[in-house]
Amino acid sequence: MKKLLLPITLLMLTGCANPELTKKVTAEFASKKDVKNLSVCIADKSDMRTFNMLRIETTEKPARDGGVSLALINGGDYIDIIPETLGSKVIYRGEGSRPMLGMLTYRNDEVIADIKSCL
């Protein structure tokens, strides 16, 4: 029961994120890969990391026009993957992260490295 309580609580808190935090773009990327391959790769890499001493859990939701939105639950990050004519566009919004001891830059760098490794 305790194992279910934490993810459910984190999911509810992520749903309450300030809309301004989900609008500010931290980084954008282009890839020749399709949306599905990118979303699986990024989610797999993210799920292997921890943030604030808790394991990251990534949820995936369908977005408009065949895209996908990834929410990195424990980190408060959002990644939109949007199909384009010659591949996909990846938009990372990492300003929702508020780690202990002021390590926001470190956290954003990890997510950006994961995204780049999947492009």
PDB file of N, CA and C in Angstrom:
ATOM      1  N   MET A   1       0.822  -1.192   0.000  1.00  0.00           N
ATOM      2  CA  MET A   1       0.000   0.000   0.000  1.00  0.00           C
ATOM      3  C   MET A   1       0.869   1.260   0.000  1.00  0.00           C
ATOM      4  N   LYS A   2       1.969   1.223   0.786  1.00  0.00           N
ATOM      5  CA  LYS A   2       2.851   2.385   0.837  1.00  0.00           C
ATOM      6  C   LYS A   2       3.477   2.659  -0.521  1.00  0.00           C
ATOM      7  N   LYS A   3       3.752   1.585  -1.277  1.00  0.00           N
ATOM      8  CA  LYS A   3       4.361   1.748  -2.596  1.00  0.00           C
ATOM      9  C   LYS A   3       3.412   2.456  -3.556  1.00  0.00           C
ATOM     10  N   LEU A   4       2.130   2.273  -3.388  1.00  0.00           N
ATOM     11  CA  LEU A   4       1.148   2.939  -4.244  1.00  0.00           C
ATOM     12  C   LEU A   4       0.884   4.374  -3.806  1.00  0.00           C
ATOM     13  N   LEU A   5       0.978   4.623  -2.526  1.00  0.00           N
ATOM     14  CA  LEU A   5       0.652   5.939  -1.997  1.00  0.00           C
ATOM     15  C   LEU A   5       1.595   7.025  -2.509  1.00  0.00           C
ATOM     16  N   LEU A   6       2.891   6.754  -2.545  1.00  0.00           N
ATOM     17  CA  LEU A   6       3.861   7.752  -2.993  1.00  0.00           C
ATOM     18  C   LEU A   6       3.642   8.163  -4.451  1.00  0.00           C
ATOM     19  N   PRO A   7       3.562   7.203  -5.401  1.00  0.00           N
ATOM     20  CA  PRO A   7       3.343   7.631  -6.794  1.00  0.00           C
ATOM     21  C   PRO A   7       2.024   8.382  -6.998  1.00  0.00           C
ATOM     22  N   ILE A   8       0.984   7.958  -6.296  1.00  0.00           N
ATOM     23  CA  ILE A   8      -0.309   8.635  -6.445  1.00  0.00           C
ATOM     24  C   ILE A   8      -0.217  10.063  -5.904  1.00  0.00           C
ATOM     25  N   THR A   9       0.428  10.220  -4.752  1.00  0.00           N
ATOM     26  CA  THR A   9       0.606  11.553  -4.172  1.00  0.00           C
ATOM     27  C   THR A   9       1.426  12.443  -5.090  1.00  0.00           C
ATOM     28  N   LEU A  10       2.520  11.900  -5.619  1.00  0.00           N
ATOM     29  CA  LEU A  10       3.368  12.677  -6.522  1.00  0.00           C
ATOM     30  C   LEU A  10       2.626  13.061  -7.793  1.00  0.00           C
ATOM     31  N   LEU A  11       1.816  12.155  -8.307  1.00  0.00           N
ATOM     32  CA  LEU A  11       1.039  12.452  -9.507  1.00  0.00           C
ATOM     33  C   LEU A  11       0.058  13.591  -9.248  1.00  0.00           C
ATOM     34  N   MET A  12      -0.590  13.561  -8.087  1.00  0.00           N
ATOM     35  CA  MET A  12      -1.531  14.631  -7.761  1.00  0.00           C
ATOM     36  C   MET A  12      -0.808  15.964  -7.614  1.00  0.00           C
ATOM     37  N   LEU A  13       0.351  15.963  -6.976  1.00  0.00           N
ATOM     38  CA  LEU A  13       1.102  17.205  -6.803  1.00  0.00           C
ATOM     39  C   LEU A  13       1.603  17.747  -8.127  1.00  0.00           C
ATOM     40  N   THR A  14       2.019  16.862  -9.027  1.00  0.00           N
ATOM     41  CA  THR A  14       2.473  17.302 -10.340  1.00  0.00           C
ATOM     42  C   THR A  14       1.322  17.932 -11.113  1.00  0.00           C
ATOM     43  N   GLY A  15       0.133  17.402 -10.949  1.00  0.00           N
ATOM     44  CA  GLY A  15      -1.031  17.959 -11.615  1.00  0.00           C
ATOM     45  C   GLY A  15      -1.365  19.358 -11.134  1.00  0.00           C
ATOM     46  N   CYS A  16      -0.828  19.741  -9.977  1.00  0.00           N
ATOM     47  CA  CYS A  16      -1.082  21.065  -9.419  1.00  0.00           C
ATOM     48  C   CYS A  16       0.022  22.056  -9.756  1.00  0.00           C
ATOM     49  N   ALA A  17       0.885  21.712 -10.678  1.00  0.00           N
ATOM     50  CA  ALA A  17       2.015  22.585 -11.014  1.00  0.00           C
ATOM     51  C   ALA A  17       1.517  23.918 -11.556  1.00  0.00           C
ATOM     52  N   ASN A  18       2.247  24.950 -11.253  1.00  0.00           N
ATOM     53  CA  ASN A  18       1.950  26.288 -11.738  1.00  0.00           C
ATOM     54  C   ASN A  18       2.017  26.280 -13.269  1.00  0.00           C
ATOM     55  N   PRO A  19       0.976  26.737 -13.967  1.00  0.00           N
ATOM     56  CA  PRO A  19       0.990  26.728 -15.431  1.00  0.00           C
ATOM     57  C   PRO A  19       2.171  27.485 -16.029  1.00  0.00           C
ATOM     58  N   GLU A  20       2.655  28.506 -15.333  1.00  0.00           N
ATOM     59  CA  GLU A  20       3.808  29.253 -15.841  1.00  0.00           C
ATOM     60  C   GLU A  20       5.046  28.367 -15.928  1.00  0.00           C
ATOM     61  N   LEU A  21       5.168  27.419 -14.998  1.00  0.00           N
ATOM     62  CA  LEU A  21       6.324  26.529 -15.008  1.00  0.00           C
ATOM     63  C   LEU A  21       6.281  25.580 -16.194  1.00  0.00           C
ATOM     64  N   THR A  22       5.095  25.256 -16.661  1.00  0.00           N
ATOM     65  CA  THR A  22       4.987  24.340 -17.790  1.00  0.00           C
ATOM     66  C   THR A  22       5.069  25.060 -19.129  1.00  0.00           C
ATOM     67  N   LYS A  23       5.092  26.385 -19.129  1.00  0.00           N
ATOM     68  CA  LYS A  23       5.187  27.146 -20.374  1.00  0.00           C
ATOM     69  C   LYS A  23       6.621  27.538 -20.706  1.00  0.00           C
ATOM     70  N   LYS A  24       7.423  27.785 -19.693  1.00  0.00           N
ATOM     71  CA  LYS A  24       8.793  28.254 -19.910  1.00  0.00           C
ATOM     72  C   LYS A  24       9.656  27.117 -20.460  1.00  0.00           C
ATOM     73  N   VAL A  25      10.240  27.346 -21.616  1.00  0.00           N
ATOM     74  CA  VAL A  25      11.043  26.323 -22.292  1.00  0.00           C
ATOM     75  C   VAL A  25      12.489  26.399 -21.803  1.00  0.00           C
ATOM     76  N   THR A  26      13.011  25.257 -21.370  1.00  0.00           N
ATOM     77  CA  THR A  26      14.404  25.163 -20.930  1.00  0.00           C
ATOM     78  C   THR A  26      15.312  24.868 -22.114  1.00  0.00           C
ATOM     79  N   ALA A  27      14.866  23.957 -23.004  1.00  0.00           N
ATOM     80  CA  ALA A  27      15.665  23.599 -24.184  1.00  0.00           C
ATOM     81  C   ALA A  27      14.759  22.978 -25.241  1.00  0.00           C
ATOM     82  N   GLU A  28      15.164  23.118 -26.513  1.00  0.00           N
ATOM     83  CA  GLU A  28      14.449  22.506 -27.639  1.00  0.00           C
ATOM     84  C   GLU A  28      15.433  21.733 -28.490  1.00  0.00           C
ATOM     85  N   PHE A  29      14.952  20.624 -29.065  1.00  0.00           N
ATOM     86  CA  PHE A  29      15.798  19.764 -29.888  1.00  0.00           C
ATOM     87  C   PHE A  29      15.012  19.286 -31.098  1.00  0.00           C
ATOM     88  N   ALA A  30      15.731  18.884 -32.137  1.00  0.00           N
ATOM     89  CA  ALA A  30      15.122  18.272 -33.322  1.00  0.00           C
ATOM     90  C   ALA A  30      15.734  16.889 -33.494  1.00  0.00           C
ATOM     91  N   SER A  31      14.921  15.954 -33.972  1.00  0.00           N
ATOM     92  CA  SER A  31      15.395  14.593 -34.187  1.00  0.00           C
ATOM     93  C   SER A  31      14.770  14.032 -35.456  1.00  0.00           C
ATOM     94  N   LYS A  32      15.463  13.106 -36.069  1.00  0.00           N
ATOM     95  CA  LYS A  32      14.916  12.416 -37.235  1.00  0.00           C
ATOM     96  C   LYS A  32      14.098  11.195 -36.815  1.00  0.00           C
ATOM     97  N   LYS A  33      14.123  10.861 -35.520  1.00  0.00           N
ATOM     98  CA  LYS A  33      13.373   9.709 -35.008  1.00  0.00           C
ATOM     99  C   LYS A  33      11.905  10.076 -34.823  1.00  0.00           C
ATOM    100  N   ASP A  34      11.054   9.040 -34.788  1.00  0.00           N
ATOM    101  CA  ASP A  34       9.630   9.289 -34.596  1.00  0.00           C
ATOM    102  C   ASP A  34       9.299   9.477 -33.112  1.00  0.00           C
ATOM    103  N   VAL A  35       8.097   9.934 -32.852  1.00  0.00           N
ATOM    104  CA  VAL A  35       7.646  10.267 -31.502  1.00  0.00           C
ATOM    105  C   VAL A  35       7.738   9.066 -30.572  1.00  0.00           C
ATOM    106  N   LYS A  36       7.270   7.908 -31.023  1.00  0.00           N
ATOM    107  CA  LYS A  36       7.236   6.718 -30.165  1.00  0.00           C
ATOM    108  C   LYS A  36       8.636   6.306 -29.730  1.00  0.00           C
ATOM    109  N   ASN A  37       9.574   6.219 -30.672  1.00  0.00           N
ATOM    110  CA  ASN A  37      10.943   5.822 -30.327  1.00  0.00           C
ATOM    111  C   ASN A  37      11.572   6.801 -29.344  1.00  0.00           C
ATOM    112  N   LEU A  38      11.367   8.084 -29.567  1.00  0.00           N
ATOM    113  CA  LEU A  38      11.926   9.090 -28.661  1.00  0.00           C
ATOM    114  C   LEU A  38      11.310   9.002 -27.267  1.00  0.00           C
ATOM    115  N   SER A  39       9.998   8.869 -27.196  1.00  0.00           N
ATOM    116  CA  SER A  39       9.343   8.842 -25.883  1.00  0.00           C
ATOM    117  C   SER A  39       9.774   7.630 -25.071  1.00  0.00           C
ATOM    118  N   VAL A  40       9.887   6.479 -25.711  1.00  0.00           N
ATOM    119  CA  VAL A  40      10.327   5.271 -25.001  1.00  0.00           C
ATOM    120  C   VAL A  40      11.757   5.435 -24.507  1.00  0.00           C
ATOM    121  N   CYS A  41      12.634   5.925 -25.355  1.00  0.00           N
ATOM    122  CA  CYS A  41      14.042   6.105 -24.992  1.00  0.00           C
ATOM    123  C   CYS A  41      14.200   7.095 -23.835  1.00  0.00           C
ATOM    124  N   ILE A  42      13.565   8.244 -23.934  1.00  0.00           N
ATOM    125  CA  ILE A  42      13.699   9.273 -22.897  1.00  0.00           C
ATOM    126  C   ILE A  42      13.103   8.790 -21.574  1.00  0.00           C
ATOM    127  N   ALA A  43      11.938   8.154 -21.627  1.00  0.00           N
ATOM    128  CA  ALA A  43      11.305   7.651 -20.401  1.00  0.00           C
ATOM    129  C   ALA A  43      12.159   6.580 -19.741  1.00  0.00           C
ATOM    130  N   ASP A  44      12.719   5.671 -20.528  1.00  0.00           N
ATOM    131  CA  ASP A  44      13.579   4.621 -19.967  1.00  0.00           C
ATOM    132  C   ASP A  44      14.787   5.213 -19.260  1.00  0.00           C
ATOM    133  N   LYS A  45      15.424   6.182 -19.873  1.00  0.00           N
ATOM    134  CA  LYS A  45      16.610   6.803 -19.264  1.00  0.00           C
ATOM    135  C   LYS A  45      16.233   7.586 -18.004  1.00  0.00           C
ATOM    136  N   SER A  46      15.126   8.293 -18.058  1.00  0.00           N
ATOM    137  CA  SER A  46      14.684   9.079 -16.910  1.00  0.00           C
ATOM    138  C   SER A  46      14.328   8.185 -15.725  1.00  0.00           C
ATOM    139  N   ASP A  47      13.678   7.067 -16.005  1.00  0.00           N
ATOM    140  CA  ASP A  47      13.254   6.166 -14.933  1.00  0.00           C
ATOM    141  C   ASP A  47      14.427   5.511 -14.211  1.00  0.00           C
ATOM    142  N   MET A  48      15.618   5.576 -14.774  1.00  0.00           N
ATOM    143  CA  MET A  48      16.796   5.011 -14.115  1.00  0.00           C
ATOM    144  C   MET A  48      17.444   6.014 -13.156  1.00  0.00           C
ATOM    145  N   ARG A  49      16.973   7.232 -13.130  1.00  0.00           N
ATOM    146  CA  ARG A  49      17.582   8.280 -12.298  1.00  0.00           C
ATOM    147  C   ARG A  49      16.795   8.492 -11.001  1.00  0.00           C
ATOM    148  N   THR A  50      17.441   9.198 -10.073  1.00  0.00           N
ATOM    149  CA  THR A  50      16.772   9.613  -8.843  1.00  0.00           C
ATOM    150  C   THR A  50      16.843  11.136  -8.750  1.00  0.00           C
ATOM    151  N   PHE A  51      15.936  11.704  -7.975  1.00  0.00           N
ATOM    152  CA  PHE A  51      15.891  13.152  -7.778  1.00  0.00           C
ATOM    153  C   PHE A  51      15.364  13.407  -6.374  1.00  0.00           C
ATOM    154  N   ASN A  52      16.032  14.241  -5.613  1.00  0.00           N
ATOM    155  CA  ASN A  52      15.676  14.466  -4.207  1.00  0.00           C
ATOM    156  C   ASN A  52      15.598  13.145  -3.447  1.00  0.00           C
ATOM    157  N   MET A  53      16.509  12.244  -3.779  1.00  0.00           N
ATOM    158  CA  MET A  53      16.643  10.924  -3.153  1.00  0.00           C
ATOM    159  C   MET A  53      15.464   9.995  -3.430  1.00  0.00           C
ATOM    160  N   LEU A  54      14.638  10.300  -4.404  1.00  0.00           N
ATOM    161  CA  LEU A  54      13.533   9.432  -4.800  1.00  0.00           C
ATOM    162  C   LEU A  54      13.693   9.072  -6.269  1.00  0.00           C
ATOM    163  N   ARG A  55      13.262   7.888  -6.623  1.00  0.00           N
ATOM    164  CA  ARG A  55      13.345   7.446  -8.007  1.00  0.00           C
ATOM    165  C   ARG A  55      12.376   8.253  -8.876  1.00  0.00           C
ATOM    166  N   ILE A  56      12.849   8.657 -10.046  1.00  0.00           N
ATOM    167  CA  ILE A  56      11.998   9.378 -10.998  1.00  0.00           C
ATOM    168  C   ILE A  56      10.966   8.398 -11.555  1.00  0.00           C
ATOM    169  N   GLU A  57       9.759   8.852 -11.731  1.00  0.00           N
ATOM    170  CA  GLU A  57       8.737   8.054 -12.408  1.00  0.00           C
ATOM    171  C   GLU A  57       8.188   8.904 -13.541  1.00  0.00           C
ATOM    172  N   THR A  58       8.218   8.351 -14.733  1.00  0.00           N
ATOM    173  CA  THR A  58       7.793   9.087 -15.916  1.00  0.00           C
ATOM    174  C   THR A  58       6.419   8.606 -16.362  1.00  0.00           C
ATOM    175  N   THR A  59       5.509   9.544 -16.560  1.00  0.00           N
ATOM    176  CA  THR A  59       4.205   9.201 -17.116  1.00  0.00           C
ATOM    177  C   THR A  59       4.111   9.779 -18.518  1.00  0.00           C
ATOM    178  N   GLU A  60       3.346   9.114 -19.345  1.00  0.00           N
ATOM    179  CA  GLU A  60       3.194   9.528 -20.742  1.00  0.00           C
ATOM    180  C   GLU A  60       1.726   9.779 -21.031  1.00  0.00           C
ATOM    181  N   LYS A  61       1.466  10.909 -21.669  1.00  0.00           N
ATOM    182  CA  LYS A  61       0.098  11.235 -22.080  1.00  0.00           C
ATOM    183  C   LYS A  61       0.108  11.608 -23.552  1.00  0.00           C
ATOM    184  N   PRO A  62      -0.918  11.207 -24.278  1.00  0.00           N
ATOM    185  CA  PRO A  62      -1.003  11.640 -25.673  1.00  0.00           C
ATOM    186  C   PRO A  62      -1.232  13.146 -25.741  1.00  0.00           C
ATOM    187  N   ALA A  63      -0.641  13.758 -26.739  1.00  0.00           N
ATOM    188  CA  ALA A  63      -0.810  15.197 -26.951  1.00  0.00           C
ATOM    189  C   ALA A  63      -1.457  15.414 -28.320  1.00  0.00           C
ATOM    190  N   ARG A  64      -1.736  16.652 -28.625  1.00  0.00           N
ATOM    191  CA  ARG A  64      -2.367  16.985 -29.903  1.00  0.00           C
ATOM    192  C   ARG A  64      -1.513  16.582 -31.093  1.00  0.00           C
ATOM    193  N   ASP A  65      -2.153  16.313 -32.186  1.00  0.00           N
ATOM    194  CA  ASP A  65      -1.500  16.039 -33.470  1.00  0.00           C
ATOM    195  C   ASP A  65      -0.529  14.870 -33.421  1.00  0.00           C
ATOM    196  N   GLY A  66      -0.818  13.862 -32.594  1.00  0.00           N
ATOM    197  CA  GLY A  66       0.017  12.665 -32.549  1.00  0.00           C
ATOM    198  C   GLY A  66       1.258  12.787 -31.697  1.00  0.00           C
ATOM    199  N   GLY A  67       1.357  13.838 -30.925  1.00  0.00           N
ATOM    200  CA  GLY A  67       2.515  14.025 -30.052  1.00  0.00           C
ATOM    201  C   GLY A  67       2.343  13.311 -28.725  1.00  0.00           C
ATOM    202  N   VAL A  68       3.372  13.420 -27.895  1.00  0.00           N
ATOM    203  CA  VAL A  68       3.377  12.798 -26.577  1.00  0.00           C
ATOM    204  C   VAL A  68       3.932  13.806 -25.574  1.00  0.00           C
ATOM    205  N   SER A  69       3.335  13.835 -24.380  1.00  0.00           N
ATOM    206  CA  SER A  69       3.871  14.640 -23.283  1.00  0.00           C
ATOM    207  C   SER A  69       4.348  13.701 -22.190  1.00  0.00           C
ATOM    208  N   LEU A  70       5.596  13.881 -21.770  1.00  0.00           N
ATOM    209  CA  LEU A  70       6.157  13.103 -20.673  1.00  0.00           C
ATOM    210  C   LEU A  70       6.229  13.996 -19.447  1.00  0.00           C
ATOM    211  N   ALA A  71       5.779  13.487 -18.307  1.00  0.00           N
ATOM    212  CA  ALA A  71       5.921  14.198 -17.036  1.00  0.00           C
ATOM    213  C   ALA A  71       6.855  13.385 -16.158  1.00  0.00           C
ATOM    214  N   LEU A  72       7.956  13.995 -15.757  1.00  0.00           N
ATOM    215  CA  LEU A  72       8.900  13.349 -14.860  1.00  0.00           C
ATOM    216  C   LEU A  72       8.433  13.687 -13.453  1.00  0.00           C
ATOM    217  N   ILE A  73       7.669  12.771 -12.880  1.00  0.00           N
ATOM    218  CA  ILE A  73       6.888  13.030 -11.677  1.00  0.00           C
ATOM    219  C   ILE A  73       7.709  13.604 -10.528  1.00  0.00           C
ATOM    220  N   ASN A  74       8.754  12.940 -10.123  1.00  0.00           N
ATOM    221  CA  ASN A  74       9.503  13.393  -8.958  1.00  0.00           C
ATOM    222  C   ASN A  74      10.313  14.650  -9.244  1.00  0.00           C
ATOM    223  N   GLY A  75      10.662  14.865 -10.493  1.00  0.00           N
ATOM    224  CA  GLY A  75      11.476  16.031 -10.822  1.00  0.00           C
ATOM    225  C   GLY A  75      10.693  17.273 -11.174  1.00  0.00           C
ATOM    226  N   GLY A  76       9.425  17.131 -11.499  1.00  0.00           N
ATOM    227  CA  GLY A  76       8.626  18.283 -11.889  1.00  0.00           C
ATOM    228  C   GLY A  76       8.964  18.800 -13.272  1.00  0.00           C
ATOM    229  N   ASP A  77       9.550  17.944 -14.107  1.00  0.00           N
ATOM    230  CA  ASP A  77       9.930  18.323 -15.467  1.00  0.00           C
ATOM    231  C   ASP A  77       8.866  17.846 -16.454  1.00  0.00           C
ATOM    232  N   TYR A  78       8.802  18.508 -17.597  1.00  0.00           N
ATOM    233  CA  TYR A  78       7.879  18.134 -18.661  1.00  0.00           C
ATOM    234  C   TYR A  78       8.634  18.092 -19.977  1.00  0.00           C
ATOM    235  N   ILE A  79       8.333  17.081 -20.787  1.00  0.00           N
ATOM    236  CA  ILE A  79       8.959  16.950 -22.101  1.00  0.00           C
ATOM    237  C   ILE A  79       7.849  16.696 -23.114  1.00  0.00           C
ATOM    238  N   ASP A  80       7.736  17.578 -24.095  1.00  0.00           N
ATOM    239  CA  ASP A  80       6.771  17.393 -25.180  1.00  0.00           C
ATOM    240  C   ASP A  80       7.518  16.917 -26.410  1.00  0.00           C
ATOM    241  N   ILE A  81       6.987  15.882 -27.047  1.00  0.00           N
ATOM    242  CA  ILE A  81       7.574  15.356 -28.278  1.00  0.00           C
ATOM    243  C   ILE A  81       6.507  15.497 -29.357  1.00  0.00           C
ATOM    244  N   ILE A  82       6.818  16.310 -30.353  1.00  0.00           N
ATOM    245  CA  ILE A  82       5.842  16.692 -31.371  1.00  0.00           C
ATOM    246  C   ILE A  82       6.310  16.200 -32.735  1.00  0.00           C
ATOM    247  N   PRO A  83       5.426  15.509 -33.469  1.00  0.00           N
ATOM    248  CA  PRO A  83       5.837  15.051 -34.800  1.00  0.00           C
ATOM    249  C   PRO A  83       5.997  16.218 -35.765  1.00  0.00           C
ATOM    250  N   GLU A  84       7.007  16.105 -36.626  1.00  0.00           N
ATOM    251  CA  GLU A  84       7.239  17.087 -37.678  1.00  0.00           C
ATOM    252  C   GLU A  84       7.439  16.336 -38.988  1.00  0.00           C
ATOM    253  N   THR A  85       7.507  17.058 -40.074  1.00  0.00           N
ATOM    254  CA  THR A  85       7.619  16.446 -41.395  1.00  0.00           C
ATOM    255  C   THR A  85       8.792  15.482 -41.496  1.00  0.00           C
ATOM    256  N   LEU A  86       9.942  15.873 -40.991  1.00  0.00           N
ATOM    257  CA  LEU A  86      11.147  15.051 -41.124  1.00  0.00           C
ATOM    258  C   LEU A  86      11.616  14.478 -39.792  1.00  0.00           C
ATOM    259  N   GLY A  87      10.715  14.185 -38.883  1.00  0.00           N
ATOM    260  CA  GLY A  87      11.106  13.625 -37.592  1.00  0.00           C
ATOM    261  C   GLY A  87      10.249  14.169 -36.469  1.00  0.00           C
ATOM    262  N   SER A  88      10.910  14.618 -35.409  1.00  0.00           N
ATOM    263  CA  SER A  88      10.193  15.101 -34.234  1.00  0.00           C
ATOM    264  C   SER A  88      10.895  16.297 -33.607  1.00  0.00           C
ATOM    265  N   LYS A  89      10.109  17.079 -32.895  1.00  0.00           N
ATOM    266  CA  LYS A  89      10.637  18.206 -32.124  1.00  0.00           C
ATOM    267  C   LYS A  89      10.460  17.853 -30.646  1.00  0.00           C
ATOM    268  N   VAL A  90      11.507  18.079 -29.847  1.00  0.00           N
ATOM    269  CA  VAL A  90      11.463  17.789 -28.416  1.00  0.00           C
ATOM    270  C   VAL A  90      11.581  19.112 -27.660  1.00  0.00           C
ATOM    271  N   ILE A  91      10.605  19.382 -26.804  1.00  0.00           N
ATOM    272  CA  ILE A  91      10.601  20.605 -26.003  1.00  0.00           C
ATOM    273  C   ILE A  91      10.686  20.203 -24.535  1.00  0.00           C
ATOM    274  N   TYR A  92      11.750  20.654 -23.869  1.00  0.00           N
ATOM    275  CA  TYR A  92      11.973  20.328 -22.459  1.00  0.00           C
ATOM    276  C   TYR A  92      11.665  21.544 -21.598  1.00  0.00           C
ATOM    277  N   ARG A  93      10.821  21.330 -20.606  1.00  0.00           N
ATOM    278  CA  ARG A  93      10.479  22.375 -19.637  1.00  0.00           C
ATOM    279  C   ARG A  93      10.918  21.881 -18.261  1.00  0.00           C
ATOM    280  N   GLY A  94      12.027  22.409 -17.773  1.00  0.00           N
ATOM    281  CA  GLY A  94      12.596  21.926 -16.522  1.00  0.00           C
ATOM    282  C   GLY A  94      12.566  22.923 -15.391  1.00  0.00           C
ATOM    283  N   GLU A  95      11.817  23.984 -15.534  1.00  0.00           N
ATOM    284  CA  GLU A  95      11.814  25.019 -14.499  1.00  0.00           C
ATOM    285  C   GLU A  95      10.958  24.651 -13.297  1.00  0.00           C
ATOM    286  N   GLY A  96      10.199  23.566 -13.388  1.00  0.00           N
ATOM    287  CA  GLY A  96       9.393  23.130 -12.244  1.00  0.00           C
ATOM    288  C   GLY A  96      10.217  22.416 -11.199  1.00  0.00           C
ATOM    289  N   SER A  97      11.447  22.052 -11.533  1.00  0.00           N
ATOM    290  CA  SER A  97      12.315  21.329 -10.606  1.00  0.00           C
ATOM    291  C   SER A  97      12.756  22.240  -9.473  1.00  0.00           C
ATOM    292  N   ARG A  98      12.593  21.788  -8.286  1.00  0.00           N
ATOM    293  CA  ARG A  98      13.085  22.528  -7.128  1.00  0.00           C
ATOM    294  C   ARG A  98      13.785  21.541  -6.198  1.00  0.00           C
ATOM    295  N   PRO A  99      15.011  21.165  -6.543  1.00  0.00           N
ATOM    296  CA  PRO A  99      15.726  20.170  -5.752  1.00  0.00           C
ATOM    297  C   PRO A  99      16.258  20.742  -4.439  1.00  0.00           C
ATOM    298  N   MET A 100      16.630  19.823  -3.561  1.00  0.00           N
ATOM    299  CA  MET A 100      17.254  20.236  -2.307  1.00  0.00           C
ATOM    300  C   MET A 100      18.641  20.785  -2.616  1.00  0.00           C
ATOM    301  N   LEU A 101      19.106  21.692  -1.823  1.00  0.00           N
ATOM    302  CA  LEU A 101      20.458  22.248  -1.893  1.00  0.00           C
ATOM    303  C   LEU A 101      20.758  22.973  -3.202  1.00  0.00           C
ATOM    304  N   GLY A 102      19.740  23.450  -3.906  1.00  0.00           N
ATOM    305  CA  GLY A 102      19.947  24.292  -5.084  1.00  0.00           C
ATOM    306  C   GLY A 102      20.640  23.636  -6.255  1.00  0.00           C
ATOM    307  N   MET A 103      20.301  22.399  -6.564  1.00  0.00           N
ATOM    308  CA  MET A 103      20.982  21.683  -7.642  1.00  0.00           C
ATOM    309  C   MET A 103      20.162  21.657  -8.927  1.00  0.00           C
ATOM    310  N   LEU A 104      19.409  22.718  -9.213  1.00  0.00           N
ATOM    311  CA  LEU A 104      18.551  22.761 -10.393  1.00  0.00           C
ATOM    312  C   LEU A 104      19.342  22.591 -11.677  1.00  0.00           C
ATOM    313  N   THR A 105      20.458  23.281 -11.803  1.00  0.00           N
ATOM    314  CA  THR A 105      21.256  23.193 -13.023  1.00  0.00           C
ATOM    315  C   THR A 105      21.713  21.765 -13.256  1.00  0.00           C
ATOM    316  N   TYR A 106      22.154  21.096 -12.212  1.00  0.00           N
ATOM    317  CA  TYR A 106      22.601  19.709 -12.320  1.00  0.00           C
ATOM    318  C   TYR A 106      21.468  18.822 -12.815  1.00  0.00           C
ATOM    319  N   ARG A 107      20.274  18.993 -12.274  1.00  0.00           N
ATOM    320  CA  ARG A 107      19.117  18.184 -12.670  1.00  0.00           C
ATOM    321  C   ARG A 107      18.764  18.445 -14.133  1.00  0.00           C
ATOM    322  N   ASN A 108      18.713  19.697 -14.524  1.00  0.00           N
ATOM    323  CA  ASN A 108      18.395  20.022 -15.913  1.00  0.00           C
ATOM    324  C   ASN A 108      19.439  19.442 -16.855  1.00  0.00           C
ATOM    325  N   ASP A 109      20.710  19.500 -16.475  1.00  0.00           N
ATOM    326  CA  ASP A 109      21.775  18.945 -17.311  1.00  0.00           C
ATOM    327  C   ASP A 109      21.605  17.445 -17.508  1.00  0.00           C
ATOM    328  N   GLU A 110      21.155  16.736 -16.464  1.00  0.00           N
ATOM    329  CA  GLU A 110      20.915  15.294 -16.581  1.00  0.00           C
ATOM    330  C   GLU A 110      19.815  15.010 -17.598  1.00  0.00           C
ATOM    331  N   VAL A 111      18.718  15.741 -17.498  1.00  0.00           N
ATOM    332  CA  VAL A 111      17.594  15.520 -18.417  1.00  0.00           C
ATOM    333  C   VAL A 111      18.013  15.860 -19.845  1.00  0.00           C
ATOM    334  N   ILE A 112      18.724  16.963 -20.023  1.00  0.00           N
ATOM    335  CA  ILE A 112      19.188  17.354 -21.359  1.00  0.00           C
ATOM    336  C   ILE A 112      20.126  16.294 -21.927  1.00  0.00           C
ATOM    337  N   ALA A 113      21.011  15.741 -21.099  1.00  0.00           N
ATOM    338  CA  ALA A 113      21.915  14.679 -21.555  1.00  0.00           C
ATOM    339  C   ALA A 113      21.128  13.441 -21.978  1.00  0.00           C
ATOM    340  N   ASP A 114      20.086  13.095 -21.219  1.00  0.00           N
ATOM    341  CA  ASP A 114      19.250  11.947 -21.583  1.00  0.00           C
ATOM    342  C   ASP A 114      18.544  12.188 -22.914  1.00  0.00           C
ATOM    343  N   ILE A 115      18.002  13.384 -23.093  1.00  0.00           N
ATOM    344  CA  ILE A 115      17.313  13.713 -24.349  1.00  0.00           C
ATOM    345  C   ILE A 115      18.289  13.636 -25.517  1.00  0.00           C
ATOM    346  N   LYS A 116      19.456  14.258 -25.371  1.00  0.00           N
ATOM    347  CA  LYS A 116      20.447  14.260 -26.457  1.00  0.00           C
ATOM    348  C   LYS A 116      20.890  12.851 -26.821  1.00  0.00           C
ATOM    349  N   SER A 117      21.002  11.971 -25.827  1.00  0.00           N
ATOM    350  CA  SER A 117      21.440  10.602 -26.114  1.00  0.00           C
ATOM    351  C   SER A 117      20.384   9.811 -26.889  1.00  0.00           C
ATOM    352  N   CYS A 118      19.148  10.289 -26.868  1.00  0.00           N
ATOM    353  CA  CYS A 118      18.061   9.600 -27.581  1.00  0.00           C
ATOM    354  C   CYS A 118      17.796  10.177 -28.971  1.00  0.00           C
ATOM    355  N   LEU A 119      18.331  11.352 -29.251  1.00  0.00           N
ATOM    356  CA  LEU A 119      18.054  12.008 -30.530  1.00  0.00           C
ATOM    357  C   LEU A 119      18.604  11.202 -31.681  1.00  0.00           C
TER     358      LEU A 119
END
